[in-house]
């Protein structure tokens, strides 16, 4: 498998149980994500994407998902992608 940018994220989920159940099911099914244990409305996770642009798109996708109130990007390790910059970045 090729090296991938890896991000540590923490989502703040909606406190509504139906919305939380729905988004947790969707997140669990996403092969780019490894979920941690929820802590109240906070959900830590690791995201693996093929490119930095894919990682940026994933964060925007998560931010817009029903049941997600906020996405904190805690860390991004793309040391294996030396020289690559996200689209539009200099």
PDB file of N, CA and C in Angstrom:
ATOM      1  N   UNK A   1       0.844  -1.172   0.000  1.00  0.00           N
ATOM      2  CA  UNK A   1       0.000   0.000   0.000  1.00  0.00           C
ATOM      3  C   UNK A   1       0.894   1.242   0.000  1.00  0.00           C
ATOM      4  N   UNK A   2       0.515   2.246  -0.773  1.00  0.00           N
ATOM      5  CA  UNK A   2       1.273   3.493  -0.843  1.00  0.00           C
ATOM      6  C   UNK A   2       1.099   4.284   0.449  1.00  0.00           C
ATOM      7  N   UNK A   3       2.118   5.061   0.830  1.00  0.00           N
ATOM      8  CA  UNK A   3       1.984   5.926   2.007  1.00  0.00           C
ATOM      9  C   UNK A   3       0.839   6.914   1.824  1.00  0.00           C
ATOM     10  N   UNK A   4       0.190   7.283   2.917  1.00  0.00           N
ATOM     11  CA  UNK A   4      -0.963   8.174   2.879  1.00  0.00           C
ATOM     12  C   UNK A   4      -0.832   9.256   3.932  1.00  0.00           C
ATOM     13  N   UNK A   5      -1.352  10.463   3.630  1.00  0.00           N
ATOM     14  CA  UNK A   5      -1.464  11.454   4.702  1.00  0.00           C
ATOM     15  C   UNK A   5      -2.423  10.938   5.771  1.00  0.00           C
ATOM     16  N   UNK A   6      -2.071  11.142   7.024  1.00  0.00           N
ATOM     17  CA  UNK A   6      -2.880  10.669   8.145  1.00  0.00           C
ATOM     18  C   UNK A   6      -3.230  11.868   9.013  1.00  0.00           C
ATOM     19  N   UNK A   7      -4.510  11.975   9.384  1.00  0.00           N
ATOM     20  CA  UNK A   7      -4.957  13.077  10.217  1.00  0.00           C
ATOM     21  C   UNK A   7      -5.634  12.595  11.475  1.00  0.00           C
ATOM     22  N   UNK A   8      -5.395  13.313  12.552  1.00  0.00           N
ATOM     23  CA  UNK A   8      -6.114  13.086  13.801  1.00  0.00           C
ATOM     24  C   UNK A   8      -7.215  14.127  13.900  1.00  0.00           C
ATOM     25  N   UNK A   9      -8.456  13.678  14.002  1.00  0.00           N
ATOM     26  CA  UNK A   9      -9.610  14.570  14.036  1.00  0.00           C
ATOM     27  C   UNK A   9     -10.438  14.297  15.285  1.00  0.00           C
ATOM     28  N   UNK A  10     -11.137  15.322  15.739  1.00  0.00           N
ATOM     29  CA  UNK A  10     -12.132  15.149  16.791  1.00  0.00           C
ATOM     30  C   UNK A  10     -13.403  15.839  16.310  1.00  0.00           C
ATOM     31  N   UNK A  11     -14.474  15.056  16.198  1.00  0.00           N
ATOM     32  CA  UNK A  11     -15.763  15.610  15.793  1.00  0.00           C
ATOM     33  C   UNK A  11     -16.578  15.939  17.027  1.00  0.00           C
ATOM     34  N   UNK A  12     -17.304  17.042  16.957  1.00  0.00           N
ATOM     35  CA  UNK A  12     -18.320  17.350  17.954  1.00  0.00           C
ATOM     36  C   UNK A  12     -19.647  16.983  17.316  1.00  0.00           C
ATOM     37  N   UNK A  13     -20.324  16.018  17.917  1.00  0.00           N
ATOM     38  CA  UNK A  13     -21.571  15.494  17.361  1.00  0.00           C
ATOM     39  C   UNK A  13     -22.781  16.187  17.980  1.00  0.00           C
ATOM     40  N   UNK A  14     -23.860  16.187  17.232  1.00  0.00           N
ATOM     41  CA  UNK A  14     -25.121  16.736  17.718  1.00  0.00           C
ATOM     42  C   UNK A  14     -25.582  15.890  18.904  1.00  0.00           C
ATOM     43  N   UNK A  15     -26.094  16.515  19.951  1.00  0.00           N
ATOM     44  CA  UNK A  15     -26.550  15.726  21.109  1.00  0.00           C
ATOM     45  C   UNK A  15     -27.839  14.941  20.837  1.00  0.00           C
ATOM     46  N   UNK A  16     -28.540  15.227  19.736  1.00  0.00           N
ATOM     47  CA  UNK A  16     -29.757  14.495  19.399  1.00  0.00           C
ATOM     48  C   UNK A  16     -29.411  13.027  19.127  1.00  0.00           C
ATOM     49  N   UNK A  17     -29.997  12.092  19.875  1.00  0.00           N
ATOM     50  CA  UNK A  17     -29.639  10.674  19.727  1.00  0.00           C
ATOM     51  C   UNK A  17     -29.848  10.119  18.317  1.00  0.00           C
ATOM     52  N   UNK A  18     -30.911  10.512  17.635  1.00  0.00           N
ATOM     53  CA  UNK A  18     -31.171   9.990  16.289  1.00  0.00           C
ATOM     54  C   UNK A  18     -30.103  10.467  15.310  1.00  0.00           C
ATOM     55  N   UNK A  19     -29.731  11.737  15.386  1.00  0.00           N
ATOM     56  CA  UNK A  19     -28.683  12.261  14.507  1.00  0.00           C
ATOM     57  C   UNK A  19     -27.343  11.604  14.814  1.00  0.00           C
ATOM     58  N   UNK A  20     -27.041  11.424  16.094  1.00  0.00           N
ATOM     59  CA  UNK A  20     -25.776  10.784  16.474  1.00  0.00           C
ATOM     60  C   UNK A  20     -25.718   9.350  15.972  1.00  0.00           C
ATOM     61  N   UNK A  21     -26.800   8.611  16.127  1.00  0.00           N
ATOM     62  CA  UNK A  21     -26.825   7.220  15.669  1.00  0.00           C
ATOM     63  C   UNK A  21     -26.614   7.152  14.157  1.00  0.00           C
ATOM     64  N   UNK A  22     -27.250   8.050  13.433  1.00  0.00           N
ATOM     65  CA  UNK A  22     -27.140   8.073  11.974  1.00  0.00           C
ATOM     66  C   UNK A  22     -25.720   8.399  11.517  1.00  0.00           C
ATOM     67  N   UNK A  23     -25.114   9.436  12.098  1.00  0.00           N
ATOM     68  CA  UNK A  23     -23.765   9.822  11.668  1.00  0.00           C
ATOM     69  C   UNK A  23     -22.747   8.782  12.112  1.00  0.00           C
ATOM     70  N   UNK A  24     -22.928   8.178  13.275  1.00  0.00           N
ATOM     71  CA  UNK A  24     -21.997   7.136  13.715  1.00  0.00           C
ATOM     72  C   UNK A  24     -22.030   5.937  12.766  1.00  0.00           C
ATOM     73  N   UNK A  25     -23.209   5.580  12.273  1.00  0.00           N
ATOM     74  CA  UNK A  25     -23.307   4.473  11.311  1.00  0.00           C
ATOM     75  C   UNK A  25     -22.574   4.821  10.021  1.00  0.00           C
ATOM     76  N   UNK A  26     -22.743   6.050   9.552  1.00  0.00           N
ATOM     77  CA  UNK A  26     -22.072   6.478   8.318  1.00  0.00           C
ATOM     78  C   UNK A  26     -20.558   6.519   8.496  1.00  0.00           C
ATOM     79  N   UNK A  27     -20.100   7.023   9.619  1.00  0.00           N
ATOM     80  CA  UNK A  27     -18.661   7.120   9.877  1.00  0.00           C
ATOM     81  C   UNK A  27     -18.037   5.740  10.004  1.00  0.00           C
ATOM     82  N   UNK A  28     -18.722   4.827  10.669  1.00  0.00           N
ATOM     83  CA  UNK A  28     -18.224   3.468  10.840  1.00  0.00           C
ATOM     84  C   UNK A  28     -18.050   2.774   9.495  1.00  0.00           C
ATOM     85  N   UNK A  29     -18.906   3.079   8.542  1.00  0.00           N
ATOM     86  CA  UNK A  29     -18.859   2.441   7.225  1.00  0.00           C
ATOM     87  C   UNK A  29     -17.812   3.062   6.297  1.00  0.00           C
ATOM     88  N   UNK A  30     -17.218   4.189   6.681  1.00  0.00           N
ATOM     89  CA  UNK A  30     -16.263   4.887   5.818  1.00  0.00           C
ATOM     90  C   UNK A  30     -14.876   4.274   6.003  1.00  0.00           C
ATOM     91  N   UNK A  31     -14.306   3.647   4.956  1.00  0.00           N
ATOM     92  CA  UNK A  31     -13.014   2.977   5.098  1.00  0.00           C
ATOM     93  C   UNK A  31     -11.831   3.932   5.321  1.00  0.00           C
ATOM     94  N   UNK A  32     -12.033   5.215   5.133  1.00  0.00           N
ATOM     95  CA  UNK A  32     -10.963   6.199   5.366  1.00  0.00           C
ATOM     96  C   UNK A  32     -10.793   6.524   6.843  1.00  0.00           C
ATOM     97  N   UNK A  33     -11.751   6.089   7.664  1.00  0.00           N
ATOM     98  CA  UNK A  33     -11.795   6.501   9.065  1.00  0.00           C
ATOM     99  C   UNK A  33     -11.626   5.328  10.020  1.00  0.00           C
ATOM    100  N   UNK A  34     -10.887   5.575  11.093  1.00  0.00           N
ATOM    101  CA  UNK A  34     -10.804   4.657  12.224  1.00  0.00           C
ATOM    102  C   UNK A  34     -11.308   5.431  13.426  1.00  0.00           C
ATOM    103  N   UNK A  35     -12.428   4.983  13.993  1.00  0.00           N
ATOM    104  CA  UNK A  35     -13.067   5.722  15.074  1.00  0.00           C
ATOM    105  C   UNK A  35     -12.530   5.302  16.433  1.00  0.00           C
ATOM    106  N   UNK A  36     -12.418   6.296  17.310  1.00  0.00           N
ATOM    107  CA  UNK A  36     -12.097   6.041  18.706  1.00  0.00           C
ATOM    108  C   UNK A  36     -13.391   5.921  19.501  1.00  0.00           C
ATOM    109  N   UNK A  37     -13.260   5.874  20.812  1.00  0.00           N
ATOM    110  CA  UNK A  37     -14.425   5.793  21.687  1.00  0.00           C
ATOM    111  C   UNK A  37     -15.016   7.190  21.872  1.00  0.00           C
ATOM    112  N   UNK A  38     -16.332   7.334  21.666  1.00  0.00           N
ATOM    113  CA  UNK A  38     -16.959   8.638  21.912  1.00  0.00           C
ATOM    114  C   UNK A  38     -16.805   9.051  23.370  1.00  0.00           C
ATOM    115  N   UNK A  39     -16.593  10.337  23.572  1.00  0.00           N
ATOM    116  CA  UNK A  39     -16.499  10.916  24.917  1.00  0.00           C
ATOM    117  C   UNK A  39     -17.560  12.008  24.990  1.00  0.00           C
ATOM    118  N   UNK A  40     -18.742  11.647  25.459  1.00  0.00           N
ATOM    119  CA  UNK A  40     -19.861  12.588  25.416  1.00  0.00           C
ATOM    120  C   UNK A  40     -20.226  12.832  23.962  1.00  0.00           C
ATOM    121  N   UNK A  41     -20.204  14.098  23.555  1.00  0.00           N
ATOM    122  CA  UNK A  41     -20.524  14.433  22.160  1.00  0.00           C
ATOM    123  C   UNK A  41     -19.275  14.519  21.294  1.00  0.00           C
ATOM    124  N   UNK A  42     -18.123  14.204  21.850  1.00  0.00           N
ATOM    125  CA  UNK A  42     -16.858  14.278  21.107  1.00  0.00           C
ATOM    126  C   UNK A  42     -16.446  12.883  20.632  1.00  0.00           C
ATOM    127  N   UNK A  43     -15.979  12.826  19.365  1.00  0.00           N
ATOM    128  CA  UNK A  43     -15.587  11.558  18.778  1.00  0.00           C
ATOM    129  C   UNK A  43     -14.210  11.694  18.144  1.00  0.00           C
ATOM    130  N   UNK A  44     -13.184  11.086  18.756  1.00  0.00           N
ATOM    131  CA  UNK A  44     -11.853  11.120  18.148  1.00  0.00           C
ATOM    132  C   UNK A  44     -11.771  10.095  17.012  1.00  0.00           C
ATOM    133  N   UNK A  45     -10.963  10.418  16.014  1.00  0.00           N
ATOM    134  CA  UNK A  45     -10.792   9.493  14.900  1.00  0.00           C
ATOM    135  C   UNK A  45      -9.486   9.756  14.186  1.00  0.00           C
ATOM    136  N   UNK A  46      -9.074   8.762  13.404  1.00  0.00           N
ATOM    137  CA  UNK A  46      -7.918   8.877  12.523  1.00  0.00           C
ATOM    138  C   UNK A  46      -8.449   8.769  11.101  1.00  0.00           C
ATOM    139  N   UNK A  47      -7.968   9.667  10.235  1.00  0.00           N
ATOM    140  CA  UNK A  47      -8.368   9.666   8.829  1.00  0.00           C
ATOM    141  C   UNK A  47      -7.141   9.398   7.965  1.00  0.00           C
ATOM    142  N   UNK A  48      -7.290   8.506   6.999  1.00  0.00           N
ATOM    143  CA  UNK A  48      -6.226   8.211   6.035  1.00  0.00           C
ATOM    144  C   UNK A  48      -6.766   8.480   4.640  1.00  0.00           C
ATOM    145  N   UNK A  49      -6.074   9.341   3.899  1.00  0.00           N
ATOM    146  CA  UNK A  49      -6.496   9.674   2.535  1.00  0.00           C
ATOM    147  C   UNK A  49      -5.313   9.503   1.590  1.00  0.00           C
ATOM    148  N   UNK A  50      -5.611   9.421   0.309  1.00  0.00           N
ATOM    149  CA  UNK A  50      -4.554   9.209  -0.681  1.00  0.00           C
ATOM    150  C   UNK A  50      -3.711  10.460  -0.905  1.00  0.00           C
ATOM    151  N   UNK A  51      -4.336  11.622  -0.838  1.00  0.00           N
ATOM    152  CA  UNK A  51      -3.628  12.876  -1.089  1.00  0.00           C
ATOM    153  C   UNK A  51      -4.042  13.916  -0.052  1.00  0.00           C
ATOM    154  N   UNK A  52      -3.288  15.000  -0.003  1.00  0.00           N
ATOM    155  CA  UNK A  52      -3.657  16.106   0.882  1.00  0.00           C
ATOM    156  C   UNK A  52      -4.979  16.729   0.447  1.00  0.00           C
ATOM    157  N   UNK A  53      -5.211  16.831  -0.858  1.00  0.00           N
ATOM    158  CA  UNK A  53      -6.487  17.352  -1.347  1.00  0.00           C
ATOM    159  C   UNK A  53      -7.643  16.476  -0.898  1.00  0.00           C
ATOM    160  N   UNK A  54      -7.449  15.156  -0.922  1.00  0.00           N
ATOM    161  CA  UNK A  54      -8.491  14.240  -0.454  1.00  0.00           C
ATOM    162  C   UNK A  54      -8.770  14.452   1.038  1.00  0.00           C
ATOM    163  N   UNK A  55      -7.724  14.698   1.809  1.00  0.00           N
ATOM    164  CA  UNK A  55      -7.888  14.954   3.235  1.00  0.00           C
ATOM    165  C   UNK A  55      -8.658  16.236   3.483  1.00  0.00           C
ATOM    166  N   UNK A  56      -8.348  17.269   2.710  1.00  0.00           N
ATOM    167  CA  UNK A  56      -9.065  18.540   2.823  1.00  0.00           C
ATOM    168  C   UNK A  56     -10.536  18.351   2.470  1.00  0.00           C
ATOM    169  N   UNK A  57     -10.803  17.607   1.396  1.00  0.00           N
ATOM    170  CA  UNK A  57     -12.182  17.342   0.984  1.00  0.00           C
ATOM    171  C   UNK A  57     -12.930  16.541   2.052  1.00  0.00           C
ATOM    172  N   UNK A  58     -12.246  15.598   2.686  1.00  0.00           N
ATOM    173  CA  UNK A  58     -12.867  14.792   3.733  1.00  0.00           C
ATOM    174  C   UNK A  58     -13.285  15.674   4.909  1.00  0.00           C
ATOM    175  N   UNK A  59     -12.427  16.590   5.326  1.00  0.00           N
ATOM    176  CA  UNK A  59     -12.770  17.480   6.444  1.00  0.00           C
ATOM    177  C   UNK A  59     -13.987  18.330   6.079  1.00  0.00           C
ATOM    178  N   UNK A  60     -14.032  18.843   4.847  1.00  0.00           N
ATOM    179  CA  UNK A  60     -15.193  19.631   4.414  1.00  0.00           C
ATOM    180  C   UNK A  60     -16.452  18.761   4.373  1.00  0.00           C
ATOM    181  N   UNK A  61     -16.309  17.518   3.911  1.00  0.00           N
ATOM    182  CA  UNK A  61     -17.442  16.580   3.867  1.00  0.00           C
ATOM    183  C   UNK A  61     -17.964  16.298   5.272  1.00  0.00           C
ATOM    184  N   UNK A  62     -17.059  16.039   6.197  1.00  0.00           N
ATOM    185  CA  UNK A  62     -17.466  15.776   7.579  1.00  0.00           C
ATOM    186  C   UNK A  62     -18.127  16.996   8.198  1.00  0.00           C
ATOM    187  N   UNK A  63     -17.596  18.176   7.932  1.00  0.00           N
ATOM    188  CA  UNK A  63     -18.152  19.414   8.494  1.00  0.00           C
ATOM    189  C   UNK A  63     -19.591  19.649   8.046  1.00  0.00           C
ATOM    190  N   UNK A  64     -19.923  19.217   6.843  1.00  0.00           N
ATOM    191  CA  UNK A  64     -21.257  19.431   6.284  1.00  0.00           C
ATOM    192  C   UNK A  64     -22.236  18.302   6.600  1.00  0.00           C
ATOM    193  N   UNK A  65     -21.758  17.237   7.215  1.00  0.00           N
ATOM    194  CA  UNK A  65     -22.614  16.069   7.458  1.00  0.00           C
ATOM    195  C   UNK A  65     -23.641  16.353   8.554  1.00  0.00           C
ATOM    196  N   UNK A  66     -24.903  15.964   8.335  1.00  0.00           N
ATOM    197  CA  UNK A  66     -25.913  16.095   9.386  1.00  0.00           C
ATOM    198  C   UNK A  66     -25.479  15.295  10.615  1.00  0.00           C
ATOM    199  N   UNK A  67     -25.556  15.907  11.749  1.00  0.00           N
ATOM    200  CA  UNK A  67     -25.146  15.257  12.985  1.00  0.00           C
ATOM    201  C   UNK A  67     -23.761  15.657  13.440  1.00  0.00           C
ATOM    202  N   UNK A  68     -22.995  16.342  12.583  1.00  0.00           N
ATOM    203  CA  UNK A  68     -21.669  16.851  12.962  1.00  0.00           C
ATOM    204  C   UNK A  68     -21.771  18.357  13.147  1.00  0.00           C
ATOM    205  N   UNK A  69     -21.442  18.826  14.350  1.00  0.00           N
ATOM    206  CA  UNK A  69     -21.497  20.253  14.623  1.00  0.00           C
ATOM    207  C   UNK A  69     -20.179  20.951  14.313  1.00  0.00           C
ATOM    208  N   UNK A  70     -19.058  20.233  14.523  1.00  0.00           N
ATOM    209  CA  UNK A  70     -17.751  20.862  14.327  1.00  0.00           C
ATOM    210  C   UNK A  70     -16.703  19.777  14.130  1.00  0.00           C
ATOM    211  N   UNK A  71     -15.672  20.100  13.346  1.00  0.00           N
ATOM    212  CA  UNK A  71     -14.540  19.202  13.143  1.00  0.00           C
ATOM    213  C   UNK A  71     -13.271  19.911  13.599  1.00  0.00           C
ATOM    214  N   UNK A  72     -12.588  19.333  14.563  1.00  0.00           N
ATOM    215  CA  UNK A  72     -11.277  19.832  14.990  1.00  0.00           C
ATOM    216  C   UNK A  72     -10.208  18.976  14.326  1.00  0.00           C
ATOM    217  N   UNK A  73      -9.320  19.620  13.584  1.00  0.00           N
ATOM    218  CA  UNK A  73      -8.167  18.912  13.024  1.00  0.00           C
ATOM    219  C   UNK A  73      -7.062  19.039  14.071  1.00  0.00           C
ATOM    220  N   UNK A  74      -6.754  17.935  14.703  1.00  0.00           N
ATOM    221  CA  UNK A  74      -5.789  17.918  15.797  1.00  0.00           C
ATOM    222  C   UNK A  74      -4.371  17.808  15.262  1.00  0.00           C
ATOM    223  N   UNK A  75      -4.191  16.960  14.255  1.00  0.00           N
ATOM    224  CA  UNK A  75      -2.856  16.794  13.673  1.00  0.00           C
ATOM    225  C   UNK A  75      -2.976  16.241  12.265  1.00  0.00           C
ATOM    226  N   UNK A  76      -1.949  16.525  11.471  1.00  0.00           N
ATOM    227  CA  UNK A  76      -1.837  15.953  10.134  1.00  0.00           C
ATOM    228  C   UNK A  76      -0.391  15.528   9.962  1.00  0.00           C
ATOM    229  N   UNK A  77      -0.182  14.263   9.663  1.00  0.00           N
ATOM    230  CA  UNK A  77       1.159  13.750   9.400  1.00  0.00           C
ATOM    231  C   UNK A  77       1.235  13.360   7.937  1.00  0.00           C
ATOM    232  N   UNK A  78       1.935  14.164   7.185  1.00  0.00           N
ATOM    233  CA  UNK A  78       2.117  13.862   5.774  1.00  0.00           C
ATOM    234  C   UNK A  78       3.595  13.874   5.435  1.00  0.00           C
ATOM    235  N   UNK A  79       4.410  13.470   6.408  1.00  0.00           N
ATOM    236  CA  UNK A  79       5.857  13.463   6.215  1.00  0.00           C
ATOM    237  C   UNK A  79       6.258  12.547   5.065  1.00  0.00           C
ATOM    238  N   UNK A  80       5.464  11.535   4.793  1.00  0.00           N
ATOM    239  CA  UNK A  80       5.754  10.624   3.682  1.00  0.00           C
ATOM    240  C   UNK A  80       5.355  11.230   2.337  1.00  0.00           C
ATOM    241  N   UNK A  81       4.752  12.420   2.339  1.00  0.00           N
ATOM    242  CA  UNK A  81       4.313  13.090   1.120  1.00  0.00           C
ATOM    243  C   UNK A  81       5.168  14.335   0.870  1.00  0.00           C
ATOM    244  N   UNK A  82       6.419  14.296   1.253  1.00  0.00           N
ATOM    245  CA  UNK A  82       7.317  15.440   1.156  1.00  0.00           C
ATOM    246  C   UNK A  82       7.264  16.056  -0.242  1.00  0.00           C
ATOM    247  N   UNK A  83       7.113  17.372  -0.274  1.00  0.00           N
ATOM    248  CA  UNK A  83       7.079  18.093  -1.532  1.00  0.00           C
ATOM    249  C   UNK A  83       5.682  18.279  -2.089  1.00  0.00           C
ATOM    250  N   UNK A  84       4.702  17.512  -1.602  1.00  0.00           N
ATOM    251  CA  UNK A  84       3.328  17.659  -2.071  1.00  0.00           C
ATOM    252  C   UNK A  84       2.652  18.762  -1.283  1.00  0.00           C
ATOM    253  N   UNK A  85       1.922  19.620  -1.965  1.00  0.00           N
ATOM    254  CA  UNK A  85       1.171  20.664  -1.312  1.00  0.00           C
ATOM    255  C   UNK A  85      -0.288  20.548  -1.744  1.00  0.00           C
ATOM    256  N   UNK A  86      -1.225  20.900  -0.835  1.00  0.00           N
ATOM    257  CA  UNK A  86      -2.631  20.852  -1.219  1.00  0.00           C
ATOM    258  C   UNK A  86      -2.878  21.780  -2.406  1.00  0.00           C
ATOM    259  N   UNK A  87      -3.817  21.403  -3.221  1.00  0.00           N
ATOM    260  CA  UNK A  87      -4.186  22.201  -4.387  1.00  0.00           C
ATOM    261  C   UNK A  87      -4.477  23.638  -3.975  1.00  0.00           C
ATOM    262  N   UNK A  88      -3.889  24.591  -4.667  1.00  0.00           N
ATOM    263  CA  UNK A  88      -4.121  25.993  -4.358  1.00  0.00           C
ATOM    264  C   UNK A  88      -3.213  26.554  -3.286  1.00  0.00           C
ATOM    265  N   UNK A  89      -2.352  25.739  -2.701  1.00  0.00           N
ATOM    266  CA  UNK A  89      -1.433  26.191  -1.663  1.00  0.00           C
ATOM    267  C   UNK A  89      -0.053  26.403  -2.269  1.00  0.00           C
ATOM    268  N   UNK A  90       0.678  27.352  -1.775  1.00  0.00           N
ATOM    269  CA  UNK A  90       2.054  27.580  -2.235  1.00  0.00           C
ATOM    270  C   UNK A  90       3.019  27.535  -1.083  1.00  0.00           C
TER     271      UNK A  90
END
